[in-house]
Amino acid sequence: AAQAGEAGAMSNLGFAYATGTGVAQDDAQAFQWYERAADQGLIRAQTATALFHAQGRGTPRPIKDLHKIYQ
């Protein structure tokens, strides 16, 4: 379902990669799946993407633009 573009499934796959549940833990993969789901408007994925940015997980931490993520 994630491969087919279903936002909830993409977010769930992001969670799996973030926590290492059923797959090898991989922050970069987690961020990519969360970001794809966030782009479709899924709020929980938008929140996860913002947290990953804030923590510098899976993506460079753009401090100067971080406030835009939280708006």
C-alpha atoms as a PDB file:
ATOM      1  CA  ALA A   1       0.000   0.000   0.000  1.00  0.00           C
ATOM      2  CA  ALA A   2       2.891   2.386   0.741  1.00  0.00           C
ATOM      3  CA  GLN A   3       4.368   1.706  -2.699  1.00  0.00           C
ATOM      4  CA  ALA A   4       0.953   2.523  -4.183  1.00  0.00           C
ATOM      5  CA  GLY A   5       0.962   5.923  -2.479  1.00  0.00           C
ATOM      6  CA  GLU A   6      -1.453   5.418   0.422  1.00  0.00           C
ATOM      7  CA  ALA A   7      -0.474   8.075   2.976  1.00  0.00           C
ATOM      8  CA  GLY A   8      -1.330   6.073   6.091  1.00  0.00           C
ATOM      9  CA  ALA A   9       0.702   3.106   4.887  1.00  0.00           C
ATOM     10  CA  MET A  10       3.631   5.384   4.052  1.00  0.00           C
ATOM     11  CA  SER A  11       3.523   6.846   7.548  1.00  0.00           C
ATOM     12  CA  ASN A  12       3.348   3.365   9.075  1.00  0.00           C
ATOM     13  CA  LEU A  13       6.372   2.313   7.042  1.00  0.00           C
ATOM     14  CA  GLY A  14       8.175   5.443   8.227  1.00  0.00           C
ATOM     15  CA  PHE A  15       7.415   4.416  11.800  1.00  0.00           C
ATOM     16  CA  ALA A  16       8.701   0.901  11.132  1.00  0.00           C
ATOM     17  CA  TYR A  17      12.012   2.277   9.833  1.00  0.00           C
ATOM     18  CA  ALA A  18      12.236   4.835  12.640  1.00  0.00           C
ATOM     19  CA  THR A  19      11.830   2.192  15.329  1.00  0.00           C
ATOM     20  CA  GLY A  20      13.328  -0.841  13.611  1.00  0.00           C
ATOM     21  CA  THR A  21      10.032  -2.721  13.818  1.00  0.00           C
ATOM     22  CA  GLY A  22      10.151  -5.576  11.308  1.00  0.00           C
ATOM     23  CA  VAL A  23      12.943  -3.904   9.324  1.00  0.00           C
ATOM     24  CA  ALA A  24      16.447  -2.663  10.031  1.00  0.00           C
ATOM     25  CA  GLN A  25      16.278   0.732  11.763  1.00  0.00           C
ATOM     26  CA  ASP A  26      17.080   3.428   9.186  1.00  0.00           C
ATOM     27  CA  ASP A  27      16.419   7.117   9.896  1.00  0.00           C
ATOM     28  CA  ALA A  28      16.962   8.162   6.270  1.00  0.00           C
ATOM     29  CA  GLN A  29      14.338   5.678   5.024  1.00  0.00           C
ATOM     30  CA  ALA A  30      11.991   6.672   7.840  1.00  0.00           C
ATOM     31  CA  PHE A  31      12.303  10.337   6.935  1.00  0.00           C
ATOM     32  CA  GLN A  32      11.667   9.660   3.245  1.00  0.00           C
ATOM     33  CA  TRP A  33       8.468   7.707   3.946  1.00  0.00           C
ATOM     34  CA  TYR A  34       7.243  10.253   6.485  1.00  0.00           C
ATOM     35  CA  GLU A  35       7.958  13.077   4.040  1.00  0.00           C
ATOM     36  CA  ARG A  36       6.011  11.390   1.243  1.00  0.00           C
ATOM     37  CA  ALA A  37       3.024  10.922   3.562  1.00  0.00           C
ATOM     38  CA  ALA A  38       3.362  14.483   4.867  1.00  0.00           C
ATOM     39  CA  ASP A  39       3.267  15.820   1.309  1.00  0.00           C
ATOM     40  CA  GLN A  40      -0.193  14.249   1.024  1.00  0.00           C
ATOM     41  CA  GLY A  41      -1.350  16.169   4.085  1.00  0.00           C
ATOM     42  CA  LEU A  42      -1.200  13.429   6.725  1.00  0.00           C
ATOM     43  CA  ILE A  43      -0.806  15.362   9.976  1.00  0.00           C
ATOM     44  CA  ARG A  44       0.968  12.630  11.946  1.00  0.00           C
ATOM     45  CA  ALA A  45       3.549  12.350   9.170  1.00  0.00           C
ATOM     46  CA  GLN A  46       3.970  16.137   9.088  1.00  0.00           C
ATOM     47  CA  THR A  47       4.620  16.046  12.830  1.00  0.00           C
ATOM     48  CA  ALA A  48       7.129  13.211  12.464  1.00  0.00           C
ATOM     49  CA  THR A  49       8.912  15.057   9.650  1.00  0.00           C
ATOM     50  CA  ALA A  50       9.188  18.183  11.807  1.00  0.00           C
ATOM     51  CA  LEU A  51      10.570  16.156  14.717  1.00  0.00           C
ATOM     52  CA  PHE A  52      13.117  14.464  12.457  1.00  0.00           C
ATOM     53  CA  HIS A  53      14.242  17.898  11.247  1.00  0.00           C
ATOM     54  CA  ALA A  54      14.468  19.204  14.809  1.00  0.00           C
ATOM     55  CA  GLN A  55      16.484  16.188  15.938  1.00  0.00           C
ATOM     56  CA  GLY A  56      18.631  15.992  12.812  1.00  0.00           C
ATOM     57  CA  ARG A  57      17.469  12.429  12.136  1.00  0.00           C
ATOM     58  CA  GLY A  58      17.608  11.151   8.570  1.00  0.00           C
ATOM     59  CA  THR A  59      18.078  14.604   7.085  1.00  0.00           C
ATOM     60  CA  PRO A  60      20.370  17.597   7.553  1.00  0.00           C
ATOM     61  CA  ARG A  61      19.039  19.926  10.215  1.00  0.00           C
ATOM     62  CA  PRO A  62      18.131  23.282   8.569  1.00  0.00           C
ATOM     63  CA  ILE A  63      18.123  25.464  11.689  1.00  0.00           C
ATOM     64  CA  LYS A  64      17.375  28.688   9.792  1.00  0.00           C
ATOM     65  CA  ASP A  65      14.203  27.190   8.273  1.00  0.00           C
ATOM     66  CA  LEU A  66      13.081  25.092  11.220  1.00  0.00           C
ATOM     67  CA  HIS A  67      10.485  27.646  12.324  1.00  0.00           C
ATOM     68  CA  LYS A  68       8.717  27.267   8.947  1.00  0.00           C
ATOM     69  CA  ILE A  69       8.263  23.552   9.549  1.00  0.00           C
ATOM     70  CA  TYR A  70       6.446  24.189  12.818  1.00  0.00           C
ATOM     71  CA  GLN A  71       4.104  26.869  11.422  1.00  0.00           C
END
